[in-house]
C-alpha atoms as a PDB file:
ATOM      1  CA  TYR A   1     148.650 -79.190 305.738  1.00  0.00           C
ATOM      2  CA  GLY A   2     149.604 -80.862 302.321  1.00  0.00           C
ATOM      3  CA  PHE A   3     151.711 -78.065 300.669  1.00  0.00           C
ATOM      4  CA  ALA A   4     155.252 -77.448 300.516  1.00  0.00           C
ATOM      5  CA  LEU A   5     156.850 -74.666 302.351  1.00  0.00           C
ATOM      6  CA  LEU A   6     159.885 -73.207 300.029  1.00  0.00           C
ATOM      7  CA  GLU A   7     162.393 -70.850 301.739  1.00  0.00           C
ATOM      8  CA  GLY A   8     163.188 -67.670 299.740  1.00  0.00           C
ATOM      9  CA  TYR A   9     164.971 -64.274 299.751  1.00  0.00           C
ATOM     10  CA  GLY A  10     164.407 -60.639 298.300  1.00  0.00           C
ATOM     11  CA  LEU A  11     164.702 -57.222 299.408  1.00  0.00           C
ATOM     12  CA  SER A  12     162.596 -54.473 298.664  1.00  0.00           C
ATOM     13  CA  GLU A  13     165.308 -52.693 296.240  1.00  0.00           C
ATOM     14  CA  GLY A  14     165.239 -56.106 294.165  1.00  0.00           C
ATOM     15  CA  THR A  15     161.354 -56.063 293.684  1.00  0.00           C
ATOM     16  CA  CYS A  16     161.018 -58.349 296.946  1.00  0.00           C
ATOM     17  CA  ALA A  17     162.011 -61.727 295.378  1.00  0.00           C
ATOM     18  CA  SER A  18     165.578 -62.799 293.958  1.00  0.00           C
ATOM     19  CA  THR A  19     165.789 -66.796 295.289  1.00  0.00           C
ATOM     20  CA  LEU A  20     163.711 -69.675 295.886  1.00  0.00           C
ATOM     21  CA  ASN A  21     164.028 -73.247 296.754  1.00  0.00           C
ATOM     22  CA  PRO A  22     162.445 -75.044 293.861  1.00  0.00           C
ATOM     23  CA  LEU A  23     159.251 -76.399 293.692  1.00  0.00           C
ATOM     24  CA  THR A  24     160.097 -79.334 291.545  1.00  0.00           C
ATOM     25  CA  GLY A  25     163.750 -79.710 291.786  1.00  0.00           C
ATOM     26  CA  PRO A  26     165.897 -80.202 294.914  1.00  0.00           C
ATOM     27  CA  ARG A  27     165.363 -78.131 298.217  1.00  0.00           C
ATOM     28  CA  ARG A  28     168.064 -78.018 300.470  1.00  0.00           C
ATOM     29  CA  ALA A  29     167.325 -76.897 303.990  1.00  0.00           C
ATOM     30  CA  GLY A  30     169.260 -74.337 305.420  1.00  0.00           C
ATOM     31  CA  THR A  31     169.492 -72.277 302.138  1.00  0.00           C
ATOM     32  CA  VAL A  32     167.039 -69.880 300.615  1.00  0.00           C
ATOM     33  CA  GLY A  33     167.245 -71.662 297.307  1.00  0.00           C
ATOM     34  CA  ILE A  34     168.766 -70.470 293.967  1.00  0.00           C
ATOM     35  CA  ALA A  35     168.093 -66.988 291.820  1.00  0.00           C
ATOM     36  CA  PHE A  36     164.972 -66.855 289.891  1.00  0.00           C
ATOM     37  CA  PRO A  37     165.407 -66.976 286.064  1.00  0.00           C
ATOM     38  CA  GLY A  38     166.563 -63.384 284.321  1.00  0.00           C
ATOM     39  CA  GLN A  39     168.453 -62.632 287.467  1.00  0.00           C
ATOM     40  CA  GLU A  40     172.186 -63.019 288.268  1.00  0.00           C
ATOM     41  CA  MET A  41     174.107 -63.673 291.948  1.00  0.00           C
ATOM     42  CA  ARG A  42     177.357 -63.192 292.909  1.00  0.00           C
ATOM     43  CA  ILE A  43     179.186 -63.303 296.557  1.00  0.00           C
ATOM     44  CA  VAL A  44     181.774 -60.419 296.328  1.00  0.00           C
ATOM     45  CA  ASP A  45     184.411 -59.261 299.301  1.00  0.00           C
ATOM     46  CA  GLU A  46     184.637 -55.677 300.372  1.00  0.00           C
ATOM     47  CA  ASN A  47     186.512 -54.750 297.045  1.00  0.00           C
ATOM     48  CA  GLY A  48     183.897 -55.999 295.048  1.00  0.00           C
ATOM     49  CA  VAL A  49     185.840 -59.150 293.889  1.00  0.00           C
ATOM     50  CA  GLU A  50     183.787 -62.330 293.276  1.00  0.00           C
ATOM     51  CA  LEU A  51     184.365 -64.945 295.688  1.00  0.00           C
ATOM     52  CA  GLY A  52     183.911 -68.814 295.257  1.00  0.00           C
ATOM     53  CA  PRO A  53     181.637 -71.182 296.800  1.00  0.00           C
ATOM     54  CA  GLY A  54     181.467 -71.524 300.509  1.00  0.00           C
ATOM     55  CA  VAL A  55     183.247 -68.282 301.102  1.00  0.00           C
ATOM     56  CA  ASP A  56     181.002 -65.600 302.942  1.00  0.00           C
ATOM     57  CA  GLY A  57     180.716 -62.180 301.435  1.00  0.00           C
ATOM     58  CA  GLU A  58     178.264 -59.864 300.332  1.00  0.00           C
ATOM     59  CA  VAL A  59     175.256 -61.087 298.148  1.00  0.00           C
ATOM     60  CA  VAL A  60     174.785 -58.945 295.337  1.00  0.00           C
ATOM     61  CA  VAL A  61     172.082 -59.072 292.533  1.00  0.00           C
ATOM     62  CA  ARG A  62     171.748 -58.243 289.184  1.00  0.00           C
ATOM     63  CA  GLY A  63     168.691 -58.233 286.919  1.00  0.00           C
ATOM     64  CA  PRO A  64     165.545 -56.146 285.612  1.00  0.00           C
ATOM     65  CA  ASN A  65     164.036 -56.337 288.957  1.00  0.00           C
ATOM     66  CA  VAL A  66     166.697 -54.191 290.538  1.00  0.00           C
ATOM     67  CA  MET A  67     165.344 -50.642 291.554  1.00  0.00           C
ATOM     68  CA  ARG A  68     166.562 -47.815 289.328  1.00  0.00           C
ATOM     69  CA  GLY A  69     167.676 -45.883 292.534  1.00  0.00           C
ATOM     70  CA  TYR A  70     166.350 -44.015 295.463  1.00  0.00           C
ATOM     71  CA  LEU A  71     163.666 -41.349 294.618  1.00  0.00           C
ATOM     72  CA  GLY A  72     165.790 -37.917 295.602  1.00  0.00           C
ATOM     73  CA  ARG A  73     168.744 -39.812 297.053  1.00  0.00           C
ATOM     74  CA  PRO A  74     171.367 -39.769 294.485  1.00  0.00           C
ATOM     75  CA  ASP A  75     174.108 -40.740 296.780  1.00  0.00           C
ATOM     76  CA  ASP A  76     172.565 -43.701 298.625  1.00  0.00           C
ATOM     77  CA  THR A  77     172.090 -45.140 295.140  1.00  0.00           C
ATOM     78  CA  ALA A  78     175.399 -44.529 294.359  1.00  0.00           C
ATOM     79  CA  ARG A  79     176.442 -46.607 297.083  1.00  0.00           C
ATOM     80  CA  THR A  80     173.948 -49.425 296.980  1.00  0.00           C
ATOM     81  CA  VAL A  81     173.761 -49.918 292.587  1.00  0.00           C
ATOM     82  CA  ILE A  82     177.284 -50.269 291.151  1.00  0.00           C
ATOM     83  CA  ASP A  83     177.429 -51.068 287.688  1.00  0.00           C
ATOM     84  CA  GLY A  84     173.481 -52.847 287.806  1.00  0.00           C
ATOM     85  CA  TRP A  85     174.737 -54.648 290.886  1.00  0.00           C
ATOM     86  CA  LEU A  86     172.387 -54.254 293.711  1.00  0.00           C
ATOM     87  CA  HIS A  87     174.657 -54.439 296.954  1.00  0.00           C
ATOM     88  CA  THR A  88     172.038 -55.848 299.829  1.00  0.00           C
ATOM     89  CA  GLY A  89     174.250 -55.607 302.794  1.00  0.00           C
ATOM     90  CA  ASP A  90     173.468 -59.213 303.376  1.00  0.00           C
ATOM     91  CA  VAL A  91     176.416 -61.427 304.191  1.00  0.00           C
ATOM     92  CA  GLY A  92     176.137 -65.241 302.666  1.00  0.00           C
ATOM     93  CA  HIS A  93     177.723 -67.691 300.567  1.00  0.00           C
ATOM     94  CA  LEU A  94     176.790 -69.811 297.533  1.00  0.00           C
ATOM     95  CA  ASP A  95     177.347 -73.670 297.093  1.00  0.00           C
ATOM     96  CA  PRO A  96     178.638 -75.094 293.625  1.00  0.00           C
ATOM     97  CA  GLU A  97     175.257 -75.327 292.441  1.00  0.00           C
ATOM     98  CA  GLY A  98     174.369 -71.722 293.403  1.00  0.00           C
ATOM     99  CA  TYR A  99     171.978 -72.483 296.567  1.00  0.00           C
ATOM    100  CA  LEU A 100     172.566 -69.319 298.783  1.00  0.00           C
ATOM    101  CA  THR A 101     172.684 -69.941 302.531  1.00  0.00           C
ATOM    102  CA  LEU A 102     172.677 -66.439 304.649  1.00  0.00           C
ATOM    103  CA  VAL A 103     174.928 -65.900 307.536  1.00  0.00           C
ATOM    104  CA  GLY A 104     173.784 -62.217 308.875  1.00  0.00           C
ATOM    105  CA  ARG A 105     174.031 -58.519 307.756  1.00  0.00           C
ATOM    106  CA  SER A 106     177.187 -57.043 307.586  1.00  0.00           C
ATOM    107  CA  LYS A 107     176.634 -54.041 309.408  1.00  0.00           C
ATOM    108  CA  ASP A 108     175.882 -56.111 312.340  1.00  0.00           C
ATOM    109  CA  MET A 109     179.387 -58.120 312.131  1.00  0.00           C
ATOM    110  CA  ILE A 110     181.383 -58.220 315.217  1.00  0.00           C
ATOM    111  CA  ILE A 111     185.208 -58.276 315.128  1.00  0.00           C
ATOM    112  CA  ARG A 112     186.464 -59.528 318.550  1.00  0.00           C
ATOM    113  CA  GLY A 113     190.253 -59.538 318.608  1.00  0.00           C
ATOM    114  CA  GLY A 114     190.695 -59.860 314.688  1.00  0.00           C
ATOM    115  CA  GLU A 115     187.993 -62.902 314.167  1.00  0.00           C
ATOM    116  CA  ASN A 116     184.428 -61.882 312.307  1.00  0.00           C
ATOM    117  CA  ILE A 117     181.565 -62.938 314.131  1.00  0.00           C
ATOM    118  CA  TYR A 118     178.018 -62.875 312.505  1.00  0.00           C
ATOM    119  CA  PRO A 119     175.326 -62.747 314.907  1.00  0.00           C
ATOM    120  CA  LYS A 120     172.976 -64.715 313.201  1.00  0.00           C
ATOM    121  CA  GLU A 121     174.975 -68.095 314.059  1.00  0.00           C
ATOM    122  CA  ILE A 122     174.731 -67.315 317.807  1.00  0.00           C
ATOM    123  CA  GLU A 123     171.084 -66.248 317.660  1.00  0.00           C
ATOM    124  CA  ASP A 124     170.206 -69.791 315.889  1.00  0.00           C
ATOM    125  CA  VAL A 125     171.930 -71.621 319.026  1.00  0.00           C
ATOM    126  CA  LEU A 126     170.465 -69.548 321.463  1.00  0.00           C
ATOM    127  CA  ALA A 127     166.739 -69.355 319.954  1.00  0.00           C
ATOM    128  CA  GLY A 128     167.357 -73.502 319.847  1.00  0.00           C
ATOM    129  CA  ASP A 129     166.746 -73.425 323.382  1.00  0.00           C
ATOM    130  CA  PRO A 130     163.142 -74.637 324.266  1.00  0.00           C
ATOM    131  CA  SER A 131     162.982 -71.360 327.069  1.00  0.00           C
ATOM    132  CA  VAL A 132     163.831 -68.776 324.382  1.00  0.00           C
ATOM    133  CA  LEU A 133     161.254 -67.147 322.029  1.00  0.00           C
ATOM    134  CA  GLU A 134     163.769 -64.862 320.410  1.00  0.00           C
ATOM    135  CA  ALA A 135     167.285 -64.018 320.440  1.00  0.00           C
ATOM    136  CA  ALA A 136     169.438 -61.025 319.555  1.00  0.00           C
ATOM    137  CA  VAL A 137     173.176 -60.651 319.485  1.00  0.00           C
ATOM    138  CA  ILE A 138     175.024 -57.519 319.489  1.00  0.00           C
ATOM    139  CA  GLY A 139     178.895 -56.481 319.602  1.00  0.00           C
ATOM    140  CA  VAL A 140     179.791 -53.914 322.670  1.00  0.00           C
ATOM    141  CA  PRO A 141     183.077 -52.413 322.549  1.00  0.00           C
ATOM    142  CA  ASP A 142     185.655 -53.914 324.986  1.00  0.00           C
ATOM    143  CA  GLU A 143     189.244 -52.932 325.989  1.00  0.00           C
ATOM    144  CA  LYS A 144     191.029 -56.104 325.382  1.00  0.00           C
ATOM    145  CA  TRP A 145     189.366 -57.636 322.677  1.00  0.00           C
ATOM    146  CA  GLY A 146     187.942 -54.680 320.814  1.00  0.00           C
ATOM    147  CA  GLU A 147     184.590 -55.840 320.793  1.00  0.00           C
ATOM    148  CA  VAL A 148     182.724 -58.919 322.832  1.00  0.00           C
ATOM    149  CA  VAL A 149     179.416 -60.739 321.823  1.00  0.00           C
ATOM    150  CA  VAL A 150     176.453 -59.795 324.141  1.00  0.00           C
ATOM    151  CA  ALA A 151     173.232 -61.789 323.683  1.00  0.00           C
ATOM    152  CA  TYR A 152     169.708 -60.604 324.200  1.00  0.00           C
ATOM    153  CA  VAL A 153     166.839 -63.216 325.136  1.00  0.00           C
ATOM    154  CA  GLN A 154     163.279 -63.178 325.594  1.00  0.00           C
ATOM    155  CA  PRO A 155     161.582 -65.986 327.410  1.00  0.00           C
ATOM    156  CA  ARG A 156     158.736 -67.769 326.084  1.00  0.00           C
ATOM    157  CA  PRO A 157     155.733 -67.152 327.815  1.00  0.00           C
ATOM    158  CA  GLY A 158     155.468 -69.063 331.048  1.00  0.00           C
ATOM    159  CA  THR A 159     159.299 -70.039 331.102  1.00  0.00           C
ATOM    160  CA  THR A 160     162.110 -68.984 332.695  1.00  0.00           C
ATOM    161  CA  VAL A 161     165.416 -68.760 330.891  1.00  0.00           C
ATOM    162  CA  ASP A 162     168.573 -70.640 332.778  1.00  0.00           C
ATOM    163  CA  THR A 163     171.300 -68.653 331.454  1.00  0.00           C
ATOM    164  CA  THR A 164     173.896 -70.842 332.919  1.00  0.00           C
ATOM    165  CA  ALA A 165     172.304 -73.589 330.575  1.00  0.00           C
ATOM    166  CA  LEU A 166     172.507 -70.937 327.694  1.00  0.00           C
ATOM    167  CA  GLN A 167     176.284 -70.626 328.416  1.00  0.00           C
ATOM    168  CA  ALA A 168     176.781 -74.248 328.183  1.00  0.00           C
ATOM    169  CA  ARG A 169     174.627 -74.537 325.181  1.00  0.00           C
ATOM    170  CA  CYS A 170     176.926 -71.913 323.542  1.00  0.00           C
ATOM    171  CA  THR A 171     180.076 -74.097 324.629  1.00  0.00           C
ATOM    172  CA  HIS A 172     179.037 -77.121 323.096  1.00  0.00           C
ATOM    173  CA  GLN A 173     177.631 -75.615 319.649  1.00  0.00           C
ATOM    174  CA  LEU A 174     180.272 -72.456 319.212  1.00  0.00           C
ATOM    175  CA  SER A 175     183.848 -71.720 318.896  1.00  0.00           C
ATOM    176  CA  HIS A 176     185.135 -70.073 321.819  1.00  0.00           C
ATOM    177  CA  TYR A 177     185.340 -66.748 320.570  1.00  0.00           C
ATOM    178  CA  LYS A 178     181.584 -66.693 319.543  1.00  0.00           C
ATOM    179  CA  ARG A 179     180.466 -67.390 322.662  1.00  0.00           C
ATOM    180  CA  PRO A 180     178.372 -64.745 324.466  1.00  0.00           C
ATOM    181  CA  THR A 181     180.055 -63.016 327.218  1.00  0.00           C
ATOM    182  CA  THR A 182     177.111 -61.626 328.651  1.00  0.00           C
ATOM    183  CA  ILE A 183     173.442 -62.563 328.344  1.00  0.00           C
ATOM    184  CA  VAL A 184     170.625 -60.547 329.376  1.00  0.00           C
ATOM    185  CA  VAL A 185     167.121 -61.583 329.455  1.00  0.00           C
ATOM    186  CA  VAL A 186     164.204 -59.313 328.877  1.00  0.00           C
ATOM    187  CA  ASP A 187     160.549 -59.205 329.125  1.00  0.00           C
ATOM    188  CA  ALA A 188     160.645 -58.166 325.274  1.00  0.00           C
ATOM    189  CA  ILE A 189     163.424 -57.535 322.559  1.00  0.00           C
ATOM    190  CA  ALA A 190     163.270 -54.090 321.283  1.00  0.00           C
ATOM    191  CA  LYS A 191     161.850 -53.889 317.868  1.00  0.00           C
ATOM    192  CA  ASN A 192     161.483 -50.980 315.384  1.00  0.00           C
ATOM    193  CA  ALA A 193     157.967 -49.416 313.469  1.00  0.00           C
ATOM    194  CA  VAL A 194     158.305 -52.113 311.027  1.00  0.00           C
ATOM    195  CA  GLY A 195     158.418 -55.167 313.685  1.00  0.00           C
ATOM    196  CA  LYS A 196     162.431 -56.142 313.064  1.00  0.00           C
ATOM    197  CA  ILE A 197     164.864 -56.426 315.894  1.00  0.00           C
ATOM    198  CA  ASP A 198     166.009 -53.032 316.673  1.00  0.00           C
ATOM    199  CA  LYS A 199     169.837 -53.891 317.149  1.00  0.00           C
ATOM    200  CA  THR A 200     170.664 -50.169 317.113  1.00  0.00           C
ATOM    201  CA  MET A 201     168.531 -49.456 320.208  1.00  0.00           C
ATOM    202  CA  LEU A 202     170.184 -52.361 321.734  1.00  0.00           C
ATOM    203  CA  ARG A 203     173.596 -51.229 321.171  1.00  0.00           C
ATOM    204  CA  THR A 204     172.666 -47.640 322.366  1.00  0.00           C
ATOM    205  CA  THR A 205     170.735 -48.790 325.691  1.00  0.00           C
ATOM    206  CA  HIS A 206     173.415 -51.460 326.813  1.00  0.00           C
ATOM    207  CA  PRO A 207     176.316 -50.418 329.165  1.00  0.00           C
ATOM    208  CA  THR A 208     179.407 -49.508 327.596  1.00  0.00           C
ATOM    209  CA  THR A 209     181.853 -52.526 328.245  1.00  0.00           C
ATOM    210  CA  THR A 210     185.452 -51.091 328.752  1.00  0.00           C
ATOM    211  CA  THR A 211     187.088 -54.182 330.037  1.00  0.00           C
ATOM    212  CA  THR A 212     186.820 -57.990 329.696  1.00  0.00           C
ATOM    213  CA  ALA A 213     186.122 -58.699 333.403  1.00  0.00           C
ATOM    214  CA  ALA A 214     183.269 -56.261 333.290  1.00  0.00           C
ATOM    215  CA  ALA A 215     182.423 -58.177 330.339  1.00  0.00           C
ATOM    216  CA  THR A 216     181.913 -61.514 331.709  1.00  0.00           C
ATOM    217  CA  GLN A 217     179.410 -61.139 334.272  1.00  0.00           C
ATOM    218  CA  ARG A 218     176.182 -62.289 333.182  1.00  0.00           C
ATOM    219  CA  ILE A 219     173.180 -59.713 333.472  1.00  0.00           C
ATOM    220  CA  ASP A 220     169.705 -61.052 333.890  1.00  0.00           C
ATOM    221  CA  GLN A 221     166.471 -59.042 334.022  1.00  0.00           C
ATOM    222  CA  PRO A 222     163.149 -59.929 335.083  1.00  0.00           C
END
């Protein structure tokens, strides 16, 4: 259409815009760009210690765009804004030039056998299949591993999802511990009131996995 599409990132608590791939400078595919002038961005660990380039951690933002707090919710404010830094709950890393790559949400992280897994990487692999319209990945309790990876996929209209082919795709593109043990095909993936995938509902409604053997059974729904 003759215009540039620029990836950016922000959230309501940060006045909706914190980064953008430059219009006139170098744009890096797969990133959401660099911080706007006047804003600072860091990646920190669970103790608030700043991490170096390429290391995944929580994205924190500071600047005049950051909210003062949540109205009437002082406890939530104290947990979210610490020393002026807005703790976003998003996980990502910066490259040496300050370009941000997002990998997921901290609350969605799956821990399988001590390995940290971010669903977005798996969702991107699944959504890359031409038959898949949308994918959502959650962690389900498992007796052996603590949690295992479960994927929900919604077919594109007029197509049928081949779960065996999806498993093969994951085998080729993902480390073994990130591969879904279960793929559930549904007519529509649950959404919340604002149209975002409702992973809380998926976790609540998914049958509880108690053994690894049970988790290796694929579930297909029409």
